[in-house]
C-alpha atoms as a PDB file:
ATOM      1  CA  UNK A   1      26.850   9.641  20.507  1.00  0.00           C
ATOM      2  CA  UNK A   2      23.405   7.443  20.076  1.00  0.00           C
ATOM      3  CA  UNK A   3      25.881   4.556  18.860  1.00  0.00           C
ATOM      4  CA  UNK A   4      27.765   4.665  22.230  1.00  0.00           C
ATOM      5  CA  UNK A   5      24.921   3.985  24.348  1.00  0.00           C
ATOM      6  CA  UNK A   6      22.926   2.232  21.826  1.00  0.00           C
ATOM      7  CA  UNK A   7      23.504  -1.607  23.222  1.00  0.00           C
ATOM      8  CA  UNK A   8      21.747  -1.452  26.874  1.00  0.00           C
ATOM      9  CA  UNK A   9      20.033   1.688  27.924  1.00  0.00           C
ATOM     10  CA  UNK A  10      20.065   0.487  31.548  1.00  0.00           C
ATOM     11  CA  UNK A  11      23.967  -0.544  31.018  1.00  0.00           C
ATOM     12  CA  UNK A  12      26.478   2.670  30.925  1.00  0.00           C
ATOM     13  CA  UNK A  13      29.429   2.290  28.900  1.00  0.00           C
ATOM     14  CA  UNK A  14      32.659   1.969  31.548  1.00  0.00           C
ATOM     15  CA  UNK A  15      34.926   4.854  30.859  1.00  0.00           C
ATOM     16  CA  UNK A  16      38.463   5.332  32.845  1.00  0.00           C
ATOM     17  CA  UNK A  17      39.784   8.987  32.798  1.00  0.00           C
ATOM     18  CA  UNK A  18      43.287   9.025  33.336  1.00  0.00           C
ATOM     19  CA  UNK A  19      44.802  12.381  34.532  1.00  0.00           C
ATOM     20  CA  UNK A  20      47.128  13.597  36.955  1.00  0.00           C
ATOM     21  CA  UNK A  21      45.425  16.690  37.478  1.00  0.00           C
ATOM     22  CA  UNK A  22      42.866  16.122  40.295  1.00  0.00           C
ATOM     23  CA  UNK A  23      40.628  19.202  39.411  1.00  0.00           C
ATOM     24  CA  UNK A  24      40.705  18.352  35.635  1.00  0.00           C
ATOM     25  CA  UNK A  25      39.598  14.810  36.330  1.00  0.00           C
ATOM     26  CA  UNK A  26      37.030  16.051  38.813  1.00  0.00           C
ATOM     27  CA  UNK A  27      35.354  18.438  35.833  1.00  0.00           C
ATOM     28  CA  UNK A  28      35.924  15.907  32.942  1.00  0.00           C
ATOM     29  CA  UNK A  29      34.304  13.057  35.464  1.00  0.00           C
ATOM     30  CA  UNK A  30      31.199  15.441  35.763  1.00  0.00           C
ATOM     31  CA  UNK A  31      31.003  16.195  31.824  1.00  0.00           C
ATOM     32  CA  UNK A  32      31.159  12.824  30.818  1.00  0.00           C
ATOM     33  CA  UNK A  33      28.184  11.015  33.653  1.00  0.00           C
ATOM     34  CA  UNK A  34      25.885  13.784  32.037  1.00  0.00           C
ATOM     35  CA  UNK A  35      26.731  12.437  28.511  1.00  0.00           C
ATOM     36  CA  UNK A  36      25.607   8.965  30.392  1.00  0.00           C
ATOM     37  CA  UNK A  37      28.966   7.278  30.938  1.00  0.00           C
ATOM     38  CA  UNK A  38      29.922   5.079  34.048  1.00  0.00           C
ATOM     39  CA  UNK A  39      33.248   6.802  35.067  1.00  0.00           C
ATOM     40  CA  UNK A  40      36.288   5.994  36.582  1.00  0.00           C
ATOM     41  CA  UNK A  41      39.149   8.081  37.408  1.00  0.00           C
ATOM     42  CA  UNK A  42      43.061   7.643  38.531  1.00  0.00           C
ATOM     43  CA  UNK A  43      45.880   9.473  38.580  1.00  0.00           C
ATOM     44  CA  UNK A  44      48.536   7.480  38.134  1.00  0.00           C
ATOM     45  CA  UNK A  45      49.700   4.507  35.239  1.00  0.00           C
ATOM     46  CA  UNK A  46      49.597   1.797  38.179  1.00  0.00           C
ATOM     47  CA  UNK A  47      46.224   2.724  39.722  1.00  0.00           C
ATOM     48  CA  UNK A  48      44.756   2.907  35.978  1.00  0.00           C
ATOM     49  CA  UNK A  49      45.977  -0.439  35.428  1.00  0.00           C
ATOM     50  CA  UNK A  50      44.731  -2.170  38.704  1.00  0.00           C
ATOM     51  CA  UNK A  51      41.342  -0.976  38.190  1.00  0.00           C
ATOM     52  CA  UNK A  52      41.817  -1.435  34.583  1.00  0.00           C
ATOM     53  CA  UNK A  53      42.741  -5.633  34.984  1.00  0.00           C
ATOM     54  CA  UNK A  54      39.709  -5.860  36.846  1.00  0.00           C
ATOM     55  CA  UNK A  55      37.409  -4.687  34.833  1.00  0.00           C
ATOM     56  CA  UNK A  56      38.816  -3.074  31.072  1.00  0.00           C
ATOM     57  CA  UNK A  57      37.139  -0.064  30.144  1.00  0.00           C
ATOM     58  CA  UNK A  58      35.289   0.359  27.082  1.00  0.00           C
ATOM     59  CA  UNK A  59      36.469   3.574  26.500  1.00  0.00           C
ATOM     60  CA  UNK A  60      39.757   5.940  28.220  1.00  0.00           C
ATOM     61  CA  UNK A  61      40.945   9.326  28.276  1.00  0.00           C
ATOM     62  CA  UNK A  62      44.667   9.192  29.143  1.00  0.00           C
ATOM     63  CA  UNK A  63      46.624  11.723  29.456  1.00  0.00           C
ATOM     64  CA  UNK A  64      49.892  11.926  27.837  1.00  0.00           C
ATOM     65  CA  UNK A  65      52.529  13.243  30.626  1.00  0.00           C
ATOM     66  CA  UNK A  66      51.458  11.912  34.001  1.00  0.00           C
ATOM     67  CA  UNK A  67      53.718  13.093  37.021  1.00  0.00           C
ATOM     68  CA  UNK A  68      57.074  11.366  35.682  1.00  0.00           C
ATOM     69  CA  UNK A  69      55.319   9.020  33.601  1.00  0.00           C
ATOM     70  CA  UNK A  70      54.435   9.148  29.987  1.00  0.00           C
ATOM     71  CA  UNK A  71      50.371   8.281  29.337  1.00  0.00           C
ATOM     72  CA  UNK A  72      51.708   6.074  26.049  1.00  0.00           C
ATOM     73  CA  UNK A  73      52.867   3.075  28.384  1.00  0.00           C
ATOM     74  CA  UNK A  74      48.824   2.838  29.740  1.00  0.00           C
ATOM     75  CA  UNK A  75      47.797   3.473  26.070  1.00  0.00           C
ATOM     76  CA  UNK A  76      50.001   0.187  24.938  1.00  0.00           C
ATOM     77  CA  UNK A  77      48.696  -1.453  28.076  1.00  0.00           C
ATOM     78  CA  UNK A  78      45.077  -1.103  27.952  1.00  0.00           C
ATOM     79  CA  UNK A  79      45.114  -2.311  24.660  1.00  0.00           C
ATOM     80  CA  UNK A  80      46.762  -5.523  24.874  1.00  0.00           C
ATOM     81  CA  UNK A  81      43.931  -5.902  27.502  1.00  0.00           C
ATOM     82  CA  UNK A  82      41.135  -5.443  25.543  1.00  0.00           C
ATOM     83  CA  UNK A  83      41.398  -4.445  21.214  1.00  0.00           C
ATOM     84  CA  UNK A  84      38.453  -2.662  21.089  1.00  0.00           C
ATOM     85  CA  UNK A  85      39.011  -0.686  24.390  1.00  0.00           C
ATOM     86  CA  UNK A  86      38.561   3.291  22.083  1.00  0.00           C
ATOM     87  CA  UNK A  87      41.243   5.649  24.079  1.00  0.00           C
ATOM     88  CA  UNK A  88      41.944   8.791  23.620  1.00  0.00           C
ATOM     89  CA  UNK A  89      45.231  10.635  24.362  1.00  0.00           C
ATOM     90  CA  UNK A  90      45.046  14.511  25.907  1.00  0.00           C
ATOM     91  CA  UNK A  91      48.160  16.483  25.866  1.00  0.00           C
ATOM     92  CA  UNK A  92      48.676  19.756  26.528  1.00  0.00           C
ATOM     93  CA  UNK A  93      52.833  19.086  25.168  1.00  0.00           C
ATOM     94  CA  UNK A  94      51.298  17.935  21.651  1.00  0.00           C
ATOM     95  CA  UNK A  95      53.779  16.599  19.057  1.00  0.00           C
ATOM     96  CA  UNK A  96      53.860  15.134  15.875  1.00  0.00           C
ATOM     97  CA  UNK A  97      56.497  12.360  16.887  1.00  0.00           C
ATOM     98  CA  UNK A  98      54.003  11.648  20.120  1.00  0.00           C
ATOM     99  CA  UNK A  99      51.092  11.611  18.106  1.00  0.00           C
ATOM    100  CA  UNK A 100      51.820   8.715  15.611  1.00  0.00           C
ATOM    101  CA  UNK A 101      53.140   6.810  18.483  1.00  0.00           C
ATOM    102  CA  UNK A 102      50.286   6.605  20.412  1.00  0.00           C
ATOM    103  CA  UNK A 103      48.325   5.902  17.502  1.00  0.00           C
ATOM    104  CA  UNK A 104      50.356   3.151  16.691  1.00  0.00           C
ATOM    105  CA  UNK A 105      50.256   2.089  20.150  1.00  0.00           C
ATOM    106  CA  UNK A 106      46.446   1.682  19.658  1.00  0.00           C
ATOM    107  CA  UNK A 107      44.989   5.110  20.283  1.00  0.00           C
ATOM    108  CA  UNK A 108      41.957   6.312  18.558  1.00  0.00           C
ATOM    109  CA  UNK A 109      42.531   9.774  18.482  1.00  0.00           C
ATOM    110  CA  UNK A 110      45.077  12.273  20.109  1.00  0.00           C
ATOM    111  CA  UNK A 111      43.611  15.476  21.083  1.00  0.00           C
ATOM    112  CA  UNK A 112      45.517  18.565  22.474  1.00  0.00           C
ATOM    113  CA  UNK A 113      44.473  20.379  25.449  1.00  0.00           C
ATOM    114  CA  UNK A 114      42.426  22.717  26.382  1.00  0.00           C
ATOM    115  CA  UNK A 115      39.777  20.330  25.008  1.00  0.00           C
ATOM    116  CA  UNK A 116      36.138  19.844  25.733  1.00  0.00           C
ATOM    117  CA  UNK A 117      33.763  16.859  27.014  1.00  0.00           C
ATOM    118  CA  UNK A 118      32.024  17.289  23.350  1.00  0.00           C
ATOM    119  CA  UNK A 119      35.369  17.169  21.414  1.00  0.00           C
ATOM    120  CA  UNK A 120      36.308  14.346  23.339  1.00  0.00           C
ATOM    121  CA  UNK A 121      32.859  12.657  22.421  1.00  0.00           C
ATOM    122  CA  UNK A 122      33.349  13.494  18.630  1.00  0.00           C
ATOM    123  CA  UNK A 123      36.771  11.890  18.744  1.00  0.00           C
ATOM    124  CA  UNK A 124      35.126   8.304  20.239  1.00  0.00           C
ATOM    125  CA  UNK A 125      33.017   8.515  17.436  1.00  0.00           C
ATOM    126  CA  UNK A 126      35.374   8.832  14.815  1.00  0.00           C
ATOM    127  CA  UNK A 127      36.916   5.414  14.415  1.00  0.00           C
ATOM    128  CA  UNK A 128      38.701   6.205  10.647  1.00  0.00           C
ATOM    129  CA  UNK A 129      40.566   8.833   8.927  1.00  0.00           C
ATOM    130  CA  UNK A 130      39.381  12.357   7.030  1.00  0.00           C
ATOM    131  CA  UNK A 131      41.076  12.023   3.785  1.00  0.00           C
ATOM    132  CA  UNK A 132      39.380  15.673   3.473  1.00  0.00           C
ATOM    133  CA  UNK A 133      41.604  17.820   6.107  1.00  0.00           C
ATOM    134  CA  UNK A 134      42.852  20.740   4.478  1.00  0.00           C
ATOM    135  CA  UNK A 135      46.838  20.940   4.288  1.00  0.00           C
ATOM    136  CA  UNK A 136      48.144  23.937   6.168  1.00  0.00           C
ATOM    137  CA  UNK A 137      49.589  26.582   3.543  1.00  0.00           C
ATOM    138  CA  UNK A 138      52.109  27.910   6.141  1.00  0.00           C
ATOM    139  CA  UNK A 139      55.011  25.730   7.183  1.00  0.00           C
ATOM    140  CA  UNK A 140      55.738  25.053  11.032  1.00  0.00           C
ATOM    141  CA  UNK A 141      57.734  27.405  12.662  1.00  0.00           C
ATOM    142  CA  UNK A 142      61.713  27.076  13.562  1.00  0.00           C
ATOM    143  CA  UNK A 143      61.359  26.981  17.214  1.00  0.00           C
ATOM    144  CA  UNK A 144      58.157  24.327  16.428  1.00  0.00           C
ATOM    145  CA  UNK A 145      60.531  22.018  14.449  1.00  0.00           C
ATOM    146  CA  UNK A 146      63.095  21.921  17.035  1.00  0.00           C
ATOM    147  CA  UNK A 147      60.086  20.758  19.141  1.00  0.00           C
ATOM    148  CA  UNK A 148      58.789  18.183  17.010  1.00  0.00           C
ATOM    149  CA  UNK A 149      62.748  17.287  16.495  1.00  0.00           C
ATOM    150  CA  UNK A 150      63.246  16.799  20.257  1.00  0.00           C
ATOM    151  CA  UNK A 151      60.253  15.091  21.107  1.00  0.00           C
ATOM    152  CA  UNK A 152      60.736  12.458  18.499  1.00  0.00           C
ATOM    153  CA  UNK A 153      64.094  11.718  19.819  1.00  0.00           C
ATOM    154  CA  UNK A 154      62.967  11.923  23.465  1.00  0.00           C
ATOM    155  CA  UNK A 155      60.605   9.370  21.799  1.00  0.00           C
ATOM    156  CA  UNK A 156      63.202   6.901  20.329  1.00  0.00           C
ATOM    157  CA  UNK A 157      64.819   7.081  23.640  1.00  0.00           C
ATOM    158  CA  UNK A 158      62.212   6.058  25.814  1.00  0.00           C
ATOM    159  CA  UNK A 159      62.181   9.739  27.117  1.00  0.00           C
ATOM    160  CA  UNK A 160      65.510   9.561  28.690  1.00  0.00           C
ATOM    161  CA  UNK A 161      66.342  13.050  28.340  1.00  0.00           C
ATOM    162  CA  UNK A 162      70.481  12.035  29.449  1.00  0.00           C
ATOM    163  CA  UNK A 163      70.716  10.100  26.081  1.00  0.00           C
ATOM    164  CA  UNK A 164      68.539  12.540  24.888  1.00  0.00           C
ATOM    165  CA  UNK A 165      71.050  15.396  25.655  1.00  0.00           C
ATOM    166  CA  UNK A 166      73.959  13.392  24.398  1.00  0.00           C
ATOM    167  CA  UNK A 167      72.444  12.571  20.924  1.00  0.00           C
ATOM    168  CA  UNK A 168      71.552  16.097  20.259  1.00  0.00           C
ATOM    169  CA  UNK A 169      74.664  17.450  21.947  1.00  0.00           C
ATOM    170  CA  UNK A 170      72.636  19.114  24.495  1.00  0.00           C
ATOM    171  CA  UNK A 171      73.532  19.932  27.819  1.00  0.00           C
ATOM    172  CA  UNK A 172      71.157  18.045  29.989  1.00  0.00           C
ATOM    173  CA  UNK A 173      69.944  21.388  31.969  1.00  0.00           C
ATOM    174  CA  UNK A 174      69.512  23.396  28.181  1.00  0.00           C
ATOM    175  CA  UNK A 175      67.293  20.249  27.187  1.00  0.00           C
ATOM    176  CA  UNK A 176      65.358  20.095  30.229  1.00  0.00           C
ATOM    177  CA  UNK A 177      63.950  23.864  30.061  1.00  0.00           C
ATOM    178  CA  UNK A 178      63.623  23.401  26.447  1.00  0.00           C
ATOM    179  CA  UNK A 179      61.046  20.617  27.649  1.00  0.00           C
ATOM    180  CA  UNK A 180      59.568  22.602  29.854  1.00  0.00           C
ATOM    181  CA  UNK A 181      58.253  25.421  27.123  1.00  0.00           C
ATOM    182  CA  UNK A 182      54.858  24.649  25.186  1.00  0.00           C
ATOM    183  CA  UNK A 183      55.317  25.265  21.574  1.00  0.00           C
ATOM    184  CA  UNK A 184      54.154  28.124  20.271  1.00  0.00           C
ATOM    185  CA  UNK A 185      50.450  26.931  18.444  1.00  0.00           C
ATOM    186  CA  UNK A 186      50.470  26.887  14.831  1.00  0.00           C
END
């Protein structure tokens, strides 16, 4: 954390938090202010972009699912405004497909909720990959593999549920029910 705040002890680094859960935003805002950030909170992509265009943040925490919108769009836009912005993507709907896309679009790190401020701080500090991460001895379950496959197809089709359902040869409502369920933690 010392590296993050070392530039000027009087000037706090700017942090943009974007999440549609207002209670989560309030709690995270307090925690990040205690850690030395000047925090701005937004609940929509539009509000976040309006603020970021006026004053690009040094750091950003972006939720993947913002009402009916994808936080991936915001990651891409924030990175275009300032390639130096460190972005951590948070999600309660973690999948390999969205993690890969978030990193490709410029996120520094991708964390699955629930998450605390210390984990976010650690993610901001990590700017390189870690080759010593152990490889899991347990393969993914069939349910998790299905979830990952659905997420990949959904991402490839710009989150269009109707098109994804057609490609998967599944009824739209069935797909919506599957998407509403969170996958099992593995």
